[in-house]
PDB file of N, CA and C in Angstrom:
ATOM      1  N   MET A   1      -4.939  17.431  43.405  1.00  0.00           N
ATOM      2  CA  MET A   1      -4.211  16.494  42.291  1.00  0.00           C
ATOM      3  C   MET A   1      -4.894  16.972  41.214  1.00  0.00           C
ATOM      4  N   ILE A   2      -6.024  17.470  41.082  1.00  0.00           N
ATOM      5  CA  ILE A   2      -6.541  17.854  39.817  1.00  0.00           C
ATOM      6  C   ILE A   2      -5.823  19.121  39.344  1.00  0.00           C
ATOM      7  N   LEU A   3      -5.806  20.096  40.133  1.00  0.00           N
ATOM      8  CA  LEU A   3      -5.405  21.447  40.277  1.00  0.00           C
ATOM      9  C   LEU A   3      -3.947  21.429  39.976  1.00  0.00           C
ATOM     10  N   HIS A   4      -3.050  20.309  40.490  1.00  0.00           N
ATOM     11  CA  HIS A   4      -1.408  20.130  40.024  1.00  0.00           C
ATOM     12  C   HIS A   4      -1.377  19.883  38.510  1.00  0.00           C
ATOM     13  N   HIS A   5      -2.582  18.955  38.114  1.00  0.00           N
ATOM     14  CA  HIS A   5      -2.635  18.560  36.915  1.00  0.00           C
ATOM     15  C   HIS A   5      -2.539  19.481  35.859  1.00  0.00           C
ATOM     16  N   VAL A   6      -3.594  20.447  36.118  1.00  0.00           N
ATOM     17  CA  VAL A   6      -4.001  21.675  35.391  1.00  0.00           C
ATOM     18  C   VAL A   6      -2.849  22.667  35.347  1.00  0.00           C
ATOM     19  N   PHE A   7      -2.108  22.656  36.226  1.00  0.00           N
ATOM     20  CA  PHE A   7      -0.893  23.836  36.461  1.00  0.00           C
ATOM     21  C   PHE A   7       0.116  23.315  35.704  1.00  0.00           C
ATOM     22  N   THR A   8       0.453  21.905  35.472  1.00  0.00           N
ATOM     23  CA  THR A   8       1.330  20.950  34.741  1.00  0.00           C
ATOM     24  C   THR A   8       1.264  21.363  33.214  1.00  0.00           C
ATOM     25  N   ILE A   9      -0.294  20.924  33.003  1.00  0.00           N
ATOM     26  CA  ILE A   9      -0.641  21.235  31.715  1.00  0.00           C
ATOM     27  C   ILE A   9      -0.424  22.688  31.113  1.00  0.00           C
ATOM     28  N   ALA A  10      -0.477  23.857  31.722  1.00  0.00           N
ATOM     29  CA  ALA A  10      -0.750  24.912  31.794  1.00  0.00           C
ATOM     30  C   ALA A  10       0.773  25.580  31.584  1.00  0.00           C
ATOM     31  N   GLY A  11       1.604  24.892  32.258  1.00  0.00           N
ATOM     32  CA  GLY A  11       3.223  25.719  32.414  1.00  0.00           C
ATOM     33  C   GLY A  11       3.709  24.679  31.002  1.00  0.00           C
ATOM     34  N   ALA A  12       3.307  23.767  30.833  1.00  0.00           N
ATOM     35  CA  ALA A  12       3.982  22.938  29.434  1.00  0.00           C
ATOM     36  C   ALA A  12       3.265  23.556  28.139  1.00  0.00           C
ATOM     37  N   VAL A  13       2.280  24.314  28.105  1.00  0.00           N
ATOM     38  CA  VAL A  13       1.822  24.729  26.792  1.00  0.00           C
ATOM     39  C   VAL A  13       2.367  26.246  27.029  1.00  0.00           C
ATOM     40  N   SER A  14       2.582  26.805  27.821  1.00  0.00           N
ATOM     41  CA  SER A  14       3.019  28.020  27.934  1.00  0.00           C
ATOM     42  C   SER A  14       4.399  28.024  27.662  1.00  0.00           C
ATOM     43  N   SER A  15       5.264  27.209  28.037  1.00  0.00           N
ATOM     44  CA  SER A  15       6.774  26.948  27.711  1.00  0.00           C
ATOM     45  C   SER A  15       7.039  26.540  26.530  1.00  0.00           C
ATOM     46  N   CYS A  16       5.955  25.827  25.939  1.00  0.00           N
ATOM     47  CA  CYS A  16       5.971  25.717  24.335  1.00  0.00           C
ATOM     48  C   CYS A  16       5.582  26.827  23.552  1.00  0.00           C
ATOM     49  N   ALA A  17       4.796  27.598  23.949  1.00  0.00           N
ATOM     50  CA  ALA A  17       4.334  28.778  23.037  1.00  0.00           C
ATOM     51  C   ALA A  17       5.320  29.579  23.091  1.00  0.00           C
ATOM     52  N   ALA A  18       5.668  29.882  24.532  1.00  0.00           N
ATOM     53  CA  ALA A  18       7.077  31.095  24.540  1.00  0.00           C
ATOM     54  C   ALA A  18       8.395  30.626  23.319  1.00  0.00           C
ATOM     55  N   ALA A  19       8.540  29.344  23.558  1.00  0.00           N
ATOM     56  CA  ALA A  19       9.692  28.492  22.698  1.00  0.00           C
ATOM     57  C   ALA A  19       9.182  29.007  21.195  1.00  0.00           C
ATOM     58  N   SER A  20       7.902  28.735  20.937  1.00  0.00           N
ATOM     59  CA  SER A  20       7.712  28.744  19.406  1.00  0.00           C
ATOM     60  C   SER A  20       7.584  30.185  19.115  1.00  0.00           C
ATOM     61  N   ALA A  21       7.228  31.210  19.652  1.00  0.00           N
ATOM     62  CA  ALA A  21       7.096  32.492  19.397  1.00  0.00           C
ATOM     63  C   ALA A  21       8.013  33.068  18.756  1.00  0.00           C
ATOM     64  N   GLY A  22       9.344  32.791  18.986  1.00  0.00           N
ATOM     65  CA  GLY A  22      10.460  33.606  18.507  1.00  0.00           C
ATOM     66  C   GLY A  22      10.879  33.051  16.951  1.00  0.00           C
ATOM     67  N   THR A  23      10.761  31.735  16.911  1.00  0.00           N
ATOM     68  CA  THR A  23      11.063  31.154  15.599  1.00  0.00           C
ATOM     69  C   THR A  23       9.705  31.121  14.381  1.00  0.00           C
ATOM     70  N   SER A  24      10.042  31.112  13.371  1.00  0.00           N
ATOM     71  CA  SER A  24       9.385  30.935  12.417  1.00  0.00           C
ATOM     72  C   SER A  24       9.240  29.705  11.531  1.00  0.00           C
ATOM     73  N   ARG A  25       8.687  28.943  11.091  1.00  0.00           N
ATOM     74  CA  ARG A  25       8.491  27.582  10.572  1.00  0.00           C
ATOM     75  C   ARG A  25       9.630  27.520   9.653  1.00  0.00           C
ATOM     76  N   GLU A  26       9.507  28.645   8.604  1.00  0.00           N
ATOM     77  CA  GLU A  26      10.480  28.627   7.266  1.00  0.00           C
ATOM     78  C   GLU A  26      11.852  28.736   7.957  1.00  0.00           C
ATOM     79  N   GLY A  27      12.005  29.543   8.752  1.00  0.00           N
ATOM     80  CA  GLY A  27      13.384  29.935   9.191  1.00  0.00           C
ATOM     81  C   GLY A  27      14.117  28.147   9.992  1.00  0.00           C
ATOM     82  N   PHE A  28      12.999  27.960  10.576  1.00  0.00           N
ATOM     83  CA  PHE A  28      13.241  26.747  11.531  1.00  0.00           C
ATOM     84  C   PHE A  28      13.859  25.506  10.403  1.00  0.00           C
ATOM     85  N   SER A  29      12.594  25.186   9.933  1.00  0.00           N
ATOM     86  CA  SER A  29      12.889  24.082   8.940  1.00  0.00           C
ATOM     87  C   SER A  29      13.970  24.128   8.026  1.00  0.00           C
ATOM     88  N   GLY A  30      14.208  25.204   7.484  1.00  0.00           N
ATOM     89  CA  GLY A  30      15.150  25.468   6.407  1.00  0.00           C
ATOM     90  C   GLY A  30      16.631  25.115   7.035  1.00  0.00           C
ATOM     91  N   GLU A  31      17.007  25.472   8.411  1.00  0.00           N
ATOM     92  CA  GLU A  31      18.181  24.906   8.711  1.00  0.00           C
ATOM     93  C   GLU A  31      18.252  23.495   9.139  1.00  0.00           C
ATOM     94  N   LEU A  32      17.282  22.724   9.360  1.00  0.00           N
ATOM     95  CA  LEU A  32      17.506  21.283   9.594  1.00  0.00           C
ATOM     96  C   LEU A  32      18.035  20.539   8.406  1.00  0.00           C
ATOM     97  N   LYS A  33      19.042  19.644   8.791  1.00  0.00           N
ATOM     98  CA  LYS A  33      19.570  18.647   7.686  1.00  0.00           C
ATOM     99  C   LYS A  33      18.675  17.279   7.885  1.00  0.00           C
ATOM    100  N   SER A  34      17.579  17.099   7.017  1.00  0.00           N
ATOM    101  CA  SER A  34      16.787  16.245   7.114  1.00  0.00           C
ATOM    102  C   SER A  34      16.567  15.410   6.085  1.00  0.00           C
ATOM    103  N   TYR A  35      16.239  14.214   6.057  1.00  0.00           N
ATOM    104  CA  TYR A  35      15.783  13.502   4.628  1.00  0.00           C
ATOM    105  C   TYR A  35      14.275  13.540   4.448  1.00  0.00           C
ATOM    106  N   VAL A  36      13.441  14.304   5.463  1.00  0.00           N
ATOM    107  CA  VAL A  36      12.094  14.332   5.154  1.00  0.00           C
ATOM    108  C   VAL A  36      12.006  15.539   4.700  1.00  0.00           C
ATOM    109  N   ARG A  37      10.835  15.389   3.839  1.00  0.00           N
ATOM    110  CA  ARG A  37      10.436  16.681   2.867  1.00  0.00           C
ATOM    111  C   ARG A  37       9.937  17.593   3.809  1.00  0.00           C
ATOM    112  N   GLU A  38       9.939  18.866   3.370  1.00  0.00           N
ATOM    113  CA  GLU A  38       9.216  19.982   4.375  1.00  0.00           C
ATOM    114  C   GLU A  38       7.416  19.837   4.327  1.00  0.00           C
ATOM    115  N   GLU A  39       6.901  19.194   3.172  1.00  0.00           N
ATOM    116  CA  GLU A  39       5.585  18.994   3.141  1.00  0.00           C
ATOM    117  C   GLU A  39       5.151  17.816   4.197  1.00  0.00           C
ATOM    118  N   ASP A  40       6.098  16.701   4.113  1.00  0.00           N
ATOM    119  CA  ASP A  40       5.989  15.506   4.790  1.00  0.00           C
ATOM    120  C   ASP A  40       5.946  15.891   6.475  1.00  0.00           C
ATOM    121  N   GLY A  41       7.059  16.915   6.697  1.00  0.00           N
ATOM    122  CA  GLY A  41       7.305  17.207   8.192  1.00  0.00           C
ATOM    123  C   GLY A  41       6.291  18.086   8.456  1.00  0.00           C
ATOM    124  N   SER A  42       5.506  18.675   7.866  1.00  0.00           N
ATOM    125  CA  SER A  42       4.595  19.327   8.194  1.00  0.00           C
ATOM    126  C   SER A  42       3.271  18.462   8.524  1.00  0.00           C
ATOM    127  N   LEU A  43       3.418  17.461   7.747  1.00  0.00           N
ATOM    128  CA  LEU A  43       1.970  16.424   8.090  1.00  0.00           C
ATOM    129  C   LEU A  43       2.250  15.787   9.289  1.00  0.00           C
ATOM    130  N   ILE A  44       3.652  15.711   9.575  1.00  0.00           N
ATOM    131  CA  ILE A  44       3.956  14.825  10.739  1.00  0.00           C
ATOM    132  C   ILE A  44       3.735  15.548  12.042  1.00  0.00           C
ATOM    133  N   LEU A  45       4.163  16.922  12.057  1.00  0.00           N
ATOM    134  CA  LEU A  45       3.839  17.738  13.074  1.00  0.00           C
ATOM    135  C   LEU A  45       2.359  18.060  13.305  1.00  0.00           C
ATOM    136  N   LYS A  46       1.755  17.985  12.307  1.00  0.00           N
ATOM    137  CA  LYS A  46       0.035  17.857  12.574  1.00  0.00           C
ATOM    138  C   LYS A  46      -0.534  16.968  13.228  1.00  0.00           C
ATOM    139  N   LEU A  47      -0.011  15.562  12.622  1.00  0.00           N
ATOM    140  CA  LEU A  47      -0.205  14.541  13.502  1.00  0.00           C
ATOM    141  C   LEU A  47       0.126  14.512  14.555  1.00  0.00           C
ATOM    142  N   ALA A  48       1.204  14.738  14.940  1.00  0.00           N
ATOM    143  CA  ALA A  48       1.965  14.647  16.586  1.00  0.00           C
ATOM    144  C   ALA A  48       0.912  15.684  17.196  1.00  0.00           C
ATOM    145  N   GLY A  49       0.973  16.627  16.600  1.00  0.00           N
ATOM    146  CA  GLY A  49      -0.410  17.858  17.649  1.00  0.00           C
ATOM    147  C   GLY A  49      -1.394  17.130  17.784  1.00  0.00           C
ATOM    148  N   GLY A  50      -2.034  16.538  16.722  1.00  0.00           N
ATOM    149  CA  GLY A  50      -3.351  15.973  16.883  1.00  0.00           C
ATOM    150  C   GLY A  50      -3.118  14.701  17.841  1.00  0.00           C
ATOM    151  N   LEU A  51      -2.580  13.781  17.953  1.00  0.00           N
ATOM    152  CA  LEU A  51      -2.331  13.095  18.684  1.00  0.00           C
ATOM    153  C   LEU A  51      -2.368  13.436  20.165  1.00  0.00           C
ATOM    154  N   SER A  52      -1.523  14.636  20.399  1.00  0.00           N
ATOM    155  CA  SER A  52      -1.193  15.127  21.744  1.00  0.00           C
ATOM    156  C   SER A  52      -2.509  15.909  22.435  1.00  0.00           C
ATOM    157  N   ILE A  53      -3.302  16.536  21.248  1.00  0.00           N
ATOM    158  CA  ILE A  53      -4.826  17.007  21.641  1.00  0.00           C
ATOM    159  C   ILE A  53      -5.496  15.847  22.193  1.00  0.00           C
ATOM    160  N   LEU A  54      -5.779  14.639  21.419  1.00  0.00           N
ATOM    161  CA  LEU A  54      -6.424  13.526  21.625  1.00  0.00           C
ATOM    162  C   LEU A  54      -6.072  12.949  23.167  1.00  0.00           C
ATOM    163  N   ILE A  55      -4.908  12.623  23.557  1.00  0.00           N
ATOM    164  CA  ILE A  55      -4.320  12.325  24.471  1.00  0.00           C
ATOM    165  C   ILE A  55      -4.969  13.351  25.812  1.00  0.00           C
ATOM    166  N   PHE A  56      -4.601  14.587  25.414  1.00  0.00           N
ATOM    167  CA  PHE A  56      -5.178  15.437  26.627  1.00  0.00           C
ATOM    168  C   PHE A  56      -6.769  15.347  26.809  1.00  0.00           C
ATOM    169  N   CYS A  57      -7.372  15.285  25.633  1.00  0.00           N
ATOM    170  CA  CYS A  57      -8.810  14.861  26.193  1.00  0.00           C
ATOM    171  C   CYS A  57      -9.049  13.761  26.414  1.00  0.00           C
ATOM    172  N   LEU A  58      -8.693  12.716  26.391  1.00  0.00           N
ATOM    173  CA  LEU A  58      -8.862  11.375  27.106  1.00  0.00           C
ATOM    174  C   LEU A  58      -8.405  11.468  28.345  1.00  0.00           C
ATOM    175  N   GLU A  59      -7.116  12.397  28.785  1.00  0.00           N
ATOM    176  CA  GLU A  59      -7.149  12.340  30.267  1.00  0.00           C
ATOM    177  C   GLU A  59      -7.913  12.987  31.098  1.00  0.00           C
ATOM    178  N   TRP A  60      -8.622  14.138  30.086  1.00  0.00           N
ATOM    179  CA  TRP A  60      -9.717  14.848  31.339  1.00  0.00           C
ATOM    180  C   TRP A  60     -10.993  13.874  31.043  1.00  0.00           C
ATOM    181  N   VAL A  61     -11.178  13.114  30.311  1.00  0.00           N
ATOM    182  CA  VAL A  61     -12.101  12.166  30.297  1.00  0.00           C
ATOM    183  C   VAL A  61     -12.089  11.236  31.322  1.00  0.00           C
ATOM    184  N   VAL A  62     -10.941  10.450  31.463  1.00  0.00           N
ATOM    185  CA  VAL A  62     -10.328   9.708  32.607  1.00  0.00           C
ATOM    186  C   VAL A  62     -10.975  10.265  33.872  1.00  0.00           C
ATOM    187  N   LEU A  63     -10.142  11.619  33.930  1.00  0.00           N
ATOM    188  CA  LEU A  63     -10.033  12.319  35.241  1.00  0.00           C
ATOM    189  C   LEU A  63     -11.843  12.385  35.677  1.00  0.00           C
ATOM    190  N   THR A  64     -12.888  12.816  34.948  1.00  0.00           N
ATOM    191  CA  THR A  64     -14.041  13.394  35.216  1.00  0.00           C
ATOM    192  C   THR A  64     -14.788  11.963  35.441  1.00  0.00           C
ATOM    193  N   LEU A  65     -14.560  11.014  34.670  1.00  0.00           N
ATOM    194  CA  LEU A  65     -15.038   9.513  35.141  1.00  0.00           C
ATOM    195  C   LEU A  65     -14.669   9.083  36.585  1.00  0.00           C
ATOM    196  N   ALA A  66     -13.288   9.348  36.805  1.00  0.00           N
ATOM    197  CA  ALA A  66     -12.892   8.796  38.076  1.00  0.00           C
ATOM    198  C   ALA A  66     -13.494   9.829  39.217  1.00  0.00           C
ATOM    199  N   PHE A  67     -13.743  10.910  38.887  1.00  0.00           N
ATOM    200  CA  PHE A  67     -14.398  11.816  39.872  1.00  0.00           C
ATOM    201  C   PHE A  67     -15.857  11.474  40.278  1.00  0.00           C
ATOM    202  N   PHE A  68     -16.741  11.229  39.119  1.00  0.00           N
ATOM    203  CA  PHE A  68     -17.893  10.812  39.524  1.00  0.00           C
ATOM    204  C   PHE A  68     -18.187   9.456  39.729  1.00  0.00           C
ATOM    205  N   LEU A  69     -17.176   8.322  39.630  1.00  0.00           N
ATOM    206  CA  LEU A  69     -17.307   7.163  40.131  1.00  0.00           C
ATOM    207  C   LEU A  69     -16.831   7.101  41.751  1.00  0.00           C
ATOM    208  N   LYS A  70     -15.739   7.766  41.981  1.00  0.00           N
ATOM    209  CA  LYS A  70     -15.588   8.247  43.102  1.00  0.00           C
ATOM    210  C   LYS A  70     -16.816   8.916  44.112  1.00  0.00           C
ATOM    211  N   TYR A  71     -17.232   9.976  43.546  1.00  0.00           N
ATOM    212  CA  TYR A  71     -18.412  10.400  44.093  1.00  0.00           C
ATOM    213  C   TYR A  71     -19.468   9.614  44.426  1.00  0.00           C
ATOM    214  N   TYR A  72     -20.050   9.099  43.399  1.00  0.00           N
ATOM    215  CA  TYR A  72     -21.090   7.896  43.321  1.00  0.00           C
ATOM    216  C   TYR A  72     -20.633   7.042  44.529  1.00  0.00           C
ATOM    217  N   ALA A  73     -19.632   6.608  44.597  1.00  0.00           N
ATOM    218  CA  ALA A  73     -19.265   5.361  45.520  1.00  0.00           C
ATOM    219  C   ALA A  73     -19.494   6.083  46.761  1.00  0.00           C
ATOM    220  N   HIS A  74     -18.932   7.506  47.156  1.00  0.00           N
ATOM    221  CA  HIS A  74     -18.758   8.033  48.180  1.00  0.00           C
ATOM    222  C   HIS A  74     -20.423   8.506  48.919  1.00  0.00           C
ATOM    223  N   VAL A  75     -21.391   8.790  47.836  1.00  0.00           N
ATOM    224  CA  VAL A  75     -22.753   9.108  48.180  1.00  0.00           C
ATOM    225  C   VAL A  75     -23.349   7.882  48.557  1.00  0.00           C
ATOM    226  N   ASP A  76     -22.991   6.430  47.804  1.00  0.00           N
ATOM    227  CA  ASP A  76     -23.827   5.227  48.375  1.00  0.00           C
ATOM    228  C   ASP A  76     -23.354   4.813  49.493  1.00  0.00           C
ATOM    229  N   GLY A  77     -22.378   5.003  49.839  1.00  0.00           N
ATOM    230  CA  GLY A  77     -21.656   5.111  51.459  1.00  0.00           C
ATOM    231  C   GLY A  77     -20.459   3.742  51.427  1.00  0.00           C
ATOM    232  N   GLY A  78     -20.104   3.766  50.014  1.00  0.00           N
ATOM    233  CA  GLY A  78     -19.106   2.807  49.808  1.00  0.00           C
ATOM    234  C   GLY A  78     -17.677   3.174  50.404  1.00  0.00           C
ATOM    235  N   PHE A  79     -17.336   4.327  50.335  1.00  0.00           N
ATOM    236  CA  PHE A  79     -15.814   4.533  50.971  1.00  0.00           C
ATOM    237  C   PHE A  79     -15.854   5.382  51.971  1.00  0.00           C
TER     238      PHE A  79
END
């Protein structure tokens, strides 16, 4: 299950990296018709990226905690 989670995340990261490799930020944001200024858009993307990293780290903390709780329950003879 954890290996499946790792491969899913690795696939998502590699697909995003491949999609963004061919585009430059200036060209991409220059073609968008938006009411958001470029500086604000950059801040929004940084905040969204930070939130994604935070969620990723929290997922791994929860997975690690669940593993150790299950392990100690098994060692103590609970399950």
